[in-house]
Amino acid sequence: MIARIITYAVIAVLALFVLTTTLLLDRGGSKATPEEEAKVSVHDLSLEPEQYRGETVTAEGTLGYSQETKQYQLVDEGIAVVVTGYEQEALQSLDGQPVMVTGRFDFDPGTGIFIDADSIQVLD
């Protein structure tokens, strides 16, 4: 009799765990909906990099090549974020243009703050 009660209690706890996990993942498990992820300023990325680390972000600015660091950067109001993981020929063709970059944000001591770009769109 006691074994049966313990078995039902374990099943109930597991069911509650699965239900809670499902609800969190469906409704509240992510920080933002895709619409809310749409834009983050380069300033905010540089000011609070830990908040966005590992997140998919979209930022706008002017794409430029830094002779100093030998890297392409997204520049807005004098602040830059390195753009990595994108085809060099495509970056060269977009040099100097206003763009919107979407990708995974991260930072490390060697590169600094960067967006591992999935897409780059030219802005009008």
Protein backbone atom coordinates (compact mmCIF):
# COMPACT_ATOMS: atom_id res chain seq x y z
CA MET A 1 0.00 0.00 0.00
CA ILE A 2 2.77 2.49 0.91
CA ALA A 3 4.73 1.56 -2.21
CA ARG A 4 1.68 2.39 -4.35
CA ILE A 5 1.29 5.82 -2.68
CA ILE A 6 4.99 6.58 -3.22
CA THR A 7 4.73 5.51 -6.86
CA TYR A 8 1.72 7.78 -7.46
CA ALA A 9 3.48 10.67 -5.70
CA VAL A 10 6.56 10.27 -7.91
CA ILE A 11 4.38 10.14 -11.04
CA ALA A 12 2.54 13.29 -9.90
CA VAL A 13 5.83 15.15 -9.28
CA LEU A 14 7.17 14.13 -12.69
CA ALA A 15 3.94 15.21 -14.39
CA LEU A 16 4.11 18.57 -12.62
CA PHE A 17 7.74 18.99 -13.72
CA VAL A 18 6.90 18.23 -17.36
CA LEU A 19 3.92 20.60 -17.30
CA THR A 20 5.93 23.42 -15.73
CA THR A 21 8.81 22.98 -18.16
CA THR A 22 6.44 22.96 -21.13
CA LEU A 23 4.72 26.16 -19.99
CA LEU A 24 8.04 27.93 -19.38
CA LEU A 25 9.40 26.99 -22.78
CA ASP A 26 6.19 27.92 -24.60
CA ARG A 27 5.44 31.19 -22.84
CA GLY A 28 8.19 32.53 -20.66
CA GLY A 29 11.38 30.62 -21.20
CA SER A 30 12.97 33.07 -23.62
CA LYS A 31 13.94 36.65 -22.94
CA ALA A 32 12.14 38.11 -25.91
CA THR A 33 9.89 37.35 -28.81
CA PRO A 34 11.44 37.72 -32.27
CA GLU A 35 9.83 41.15 -32.63
CA GLU A 36 11.44 42.31 -29.37
CA GLU A 37 14.82 40.97 -30.46
CA ALA A 38 14.54 43.04 -33.62
CA LYS A 39 16.90 45.85 -32.66
CA VAL A 40 19.57 46.59 -30.08
CA SER A 41 21.75 49.65 -30.37
CA VAL A 42 25.50 49.31 -30.75
CA HIS A 43 25.74 51.58 -27.71
CA ASP A 44 23.71 49.14 -25.58
CA LEU A 45 25.81 46.20 -26.79
CA SER A 46 29.00 47.98 -25.76
CA LEU A 47 27.56 49.24 -22.48
CA GLU A 48 26.05 45.94 -21.27
CA PRO A 49 27.70 43.08 -23.16
CA GLU A 50 26.88 40.47 -20.48
CA GLN A 51 23.15 41.08 -20.94
CA TYR A 52 23.31 40.12 -24.62
CA ARG A 53 26.05 37.47 -24.56
CA GLY A 54 25.02 34.41 -26.54
CA GLU A 55 21.77 36.06 -27.70
CA THR A 56 20.70 36.63 -31.28
CA VAL A 57 20.68 40.39 -31.78
CA THR A 58 20.01 42.83 -34.60
CA ALA A 59 21.86 46.13 -34.70
CA GLU A 60 22.08 48.98 -37.19
CA GLY A 61 25.01 51.13 -38.18
CA THR A 62 27.55 51.75 -40.90
CA LEU A 63 29.74 48.85 -41.97
CA GLY A 64 33.38 49.80 -42.11
CA TYR A 65 36.81 48.25 -42.26
CA SER A 66 39.26 49.11 -39.48
CA GLN A 67 42.85 49.33 -40.71
CA GLU A 68 43.96 49.25 -37.09
CA THR A 69 42.33 45.92 -36.19
CA LYS A 70 42.05 44.50 -39.75
CA GLN A 71 38.38 43.67 -39.10
CA TYR A 72 35.00 44.80 -40.35
CA GLN A 73 32.96 46.69 -37.80
CA LEU A 74 29.42 47.94 -37.37
CA VAL A 75 29.78 51.57 -36.28
CA ASP A 76 27.08 53.76 -34.78
CA GLU A 77 27.72 57.10 -33.05
CA GLY A 78 31.45 56.40 -32.87
CA ILE A 79 31.01 53.03 -31.13
CA ALA A 80 31.98 49.84 -32.97
CA VAL A 81 31.09 46.17 -32.80
CA VAL A 82 33.22 43.71 -34.80
CA VAL A 83 31.36 41.70 -37.45
CA THR A 84 32.60 38.11 -37.83
CA GLY A 85 31.48 34.94 -39.55
CA TYR A 86 30.40 36.56 -42.81
CA GLU A 87 31.80 36.23 -46.30
CA GLN A 88 34.70 38.68 -46.87
CA GLU A 89 33.63 39.53 -50.43
CA ALA A 90 30.14 40.46 -49.23
CA LEU A 91 31.58 42.60 -46.44
CA GLN A 92 33.87 44.38 -48.91
CA SER A 93 30.93 45.19 -51.19
CA LEU A 94 28.98 46.67 -48.24
CA ASP A 95 31.86 48.76 -46.87
CA GLY A 96 30.68 52.27 -45.99
CA GLN A 97 26.97 51.49 -46.30
CA PRO A 98 24.29 51.69 -43.61
CA VAL A 99 23.33 48.13 -42.72
CA MET A 100 21.36 45.98 -40.31
CA VAL A 101 23.33 43.03 -38.93
CA THR A 102 21.68 40.01 -37.29
CA GLY A 103 23.65 37.31 -35.50
CA ARG A 104 24.87 35.88 -32.22
CA PHE A 105 26.46 38.45 -29.93
CA ASP A 106 29.52 37.61 -27.86
CA PHE A 107 32.82 39.01 -26.67
CA ASP A 108 36.32 37.82 -25.90
CA PRO A 109 39.59 39.52 -24.94
CA GLY A 110 41.20 39.06 -28.38
CA THR A 111 38.33 40.29 -30.55
CA GLY A 112 36.38 42.48 -28.17
CA ILE A 113 32.62 42.67 -28.63
CA PHE A 114 31.38 41.06 -31.82
CA ILE A 115 28.37 39.83 -33.75
CA ASP A 116 28.79 36.47 -35.47
CA ALA A 117 26.62 37.56 -38.40
CA ASP A 118 23.92 35.38 -39.92
CA SER A 119 22.56 38.10 -42.17
CA ILE A 120 23.39 41.64 -43.25
CA GLN A 121 20.83 43.85 -44.97
CA VAL A 122 21.49 47.20 -46.59
CA LEU A 123 19.30 49.99 -45.19
CA ASP A 124 17.69 52.63 -47.37
